[in-house]
Amino acid sequence: MRKRYDTNLGFDNFVDKRLEGAKKITKDSYEKGGTSMLTYYHYDAKLPFYLDAAGGNFDIEAAKEVFDSLKSEISYDIPQIDFQKKMGAMEVLGELIIKQESKK
C-alpha cells in the first residue's frame, strides 16, 4: 500500500522531509551520470532553498519575488541545464510558498 501525503505535516517537518528526499535524489542522480545529470541539476537547484528554510530563513515575500522572476525566465529557447535549474528552483519555492500559506 502506498503512503499518502500527510497534509497535516507542519512546515518545519515538511521542509525536513523534502530536503532529505532532494539530497538523496541529487546524490543518486549524480552517481548515475549520463542523462540522469539533468535530474541532478534540477534537484541540486532545490537544495539551497530547502537548506535556508530548514534553518528558519524562509521569507515568503522574497520567495514570491524570486519565483516570479524565474517564471519570466522560463522558455523552451534556453539550454536544457538552465531549464532544469530554473524549474527546480521554481518548484521548491512554489512548494514552500503553498505550504507556508496553508498555515493561515
Protein backbone atom coordinates (compact mmCIF):
# COMPACT_ATOMS: atom_id res chain seq x y z
CA MET A 1 0.00 0.00 0.00
CA ARG A 2 1.30 3.43 -0.91
CA LYS A 3 1.86 6.01 1.75
CA ARG A 4 -0.25 9.10 1.44
CA TYR A 5 0.92 12.69 1.65
CA ASP A 6 0.25 13.97 5.15
CA THR A 7 -1.48 17.30 4.65
CA ASN A 8 -1.24 17.97 8.39
CA LEU A 9 2.54 17.92 8.36
CA GLY A 10 3.87 21.18 9.83
CA PHE A 11 6.08 23.49 7.78
CA ASP A 12 9.34 22.52 9.52
CA ASN A 13 8.69 18.78 9.21
CA PHE A 14 7.62 19.24 5.59
CA VAL A 15 10.87 21.06 4.82
CA ASP A 16 12.99 18.44 6.60
CA LYS A 17 11.37 15.57 4.70
CA ARG A 18 11.58 17.33 1.34
CA LEU A 19 15.23 18.26 1.99
CA GLU A 20 16.05 14.67 2.87
CA GLY A 21 14.45 13.44 -0.36
CA ALA A 22 16.12 16.10 -2.50
CA LYS A 23 19.54 15.26 -1.07
CA LYS A 24 19.06 11.57 -1.86
CA ILE A 25 17.86 12.19 -5.42
CA THR A 26 20.69 14.69 -6.02
CA LYS A 27 23.32 12.19 -4.84
CA ASP A 28 21.81 9.21 -6.69
CA SER A 29 21.38 11.04 -10.00
CA TYR A 30 24.93 12.43 -9.86
CA GLU A 31 26.34 8.96 -9.24
CA LYS A 32 24.32 7.52 -12.12
CA GLY A 33 25.51 10.23 -14.53
CA GLY A 34 24.52 10.40 -18.18
CA THR A 35 21.07 11.78 -18.81
CA SER A 36 20.41 11.49 -15.06
CA MET A 37 22.56 14.61 -14.75
CA LEU A 38 19.50 16.63 -15.80
CA THR A 39 17.75 15.29 -12.71
CA TYR A 40 20.86 16.16 -10.70
CA TYR A 41 20.75 19.82 -11.87
CA HIS A 42 17.01 20.01 -11.16
CA TYR A 43 17.30 18.72 -7.59
CA ASP A 44 20.61 20.40 -6.82
CA ALA A 45 18.93 23.74 -7.54
CA LYS A 46 16.39 22.95 -4.81
CA LEU A 47 18.89 22.32 -2.03
CA PRO A 48 19.82 25.93 -1.13
CA PHE A 49 16.14 26.85 -0.75
CA TYR A 50 15.36 23.82 1.41
CA LEU A 51 18.50 24.43 3.48
CA ASP A 52 17.54 28.08 4.07
CA ALA A 53 14.00 27.10 5.05
CA ALA A 54 15.29 24.31 7.32
CA GLY A 55 17.47 26.92 9.02
CA GLY A 56 14.45 29.10 9.72
CA ASN A 57 15.29 31.59 6.98
CA PHE A 58 12.20 31.34 4.77
CA ASP A 59 10.90 34.76 3.74
CA ILE A 60 7.68 34.20 1.83
CA GLU A 61 7.65 37.63 0.18
CA ALA A 62 11.22 37.24 -1.06
CA ALA A 63 10.37 33.71 -2.24
CA LYS A 64 7.44 35.05 -4.26
CA GLU A 65 9.69 37.63 -5.91
CA VAL A 66 12.28 35.00 -6.86
CA PHE A 67 9.52 32.66 -8.11
CA ASP A 68 8.04 35.39 -10.33
CA SER A 69 11.48 36.36 -11.63
CA LEU A 70 12.28 32.74 -12.53
CA LYS A 71 8.87 32.32 -14.14
CA SER A 72 9.67 35.17 -16.52
CA GLU A 73 12.98 33.47 -17.48
CA ILE A 74 11.49 30.10 -18.43
CA SER A 75 11.25 29.32 -22.12
CA TYR A 76 11.93 26.46 -24.48
CA ASP A 77 14.76 28.51 -26.01
CA ILE A 78 17.15 28.16 -23.07
CA PRO A 79 19.74 25.41 -22.62
CA GLN A 80 18.43 22.20 -21.04
CA ILE A 81 20.62 22.52 -17.92
CA ASP A 82 19.44 26.10 -17.31
CA PHE A 83 15.86 24.96 -17.77
CA GLN A 84 16.30 22.19 -15.18
CA LYS A 85 17.91 24.55 -12.67
CA LYS A 86 15.21 27.20 -13.03
CA MET A 87 12.37 24.69 -12.88
CA GLY A 88 13.87 23.03 -9.79
CA ALA A 89 14.14 26.38 -8.04
CA MET A 90 10.60 27.35 -9.05
CA GLU A 91 9.26 24.01 -7.90
CA VAL A 92 10.76 24.23 -4.41
CA LEU A 93 9.73 27.85 -3.99
CA GLY A 94 6.19 27.02 -5.06
CA GLU A 95 6.06 24.11 -2.60
CA LEU A 96 7.31 26.26 0.26
CA ILE A 97 5.01 29.19 -0.55
CA ILE A 98 1.96 26.90 -0.78
CA LYS A 99 2.87 25.11 2.45
CA GLN A 100 3.52 28.38 4.32
CA GLU A 101 0.29 29.93 3.09
CA SER A 102 -1.71 26.84 4.04
CA LYS A 103 -0.88 27.65 7.68
CA LYS A 104 -3.10 30.75 7.51
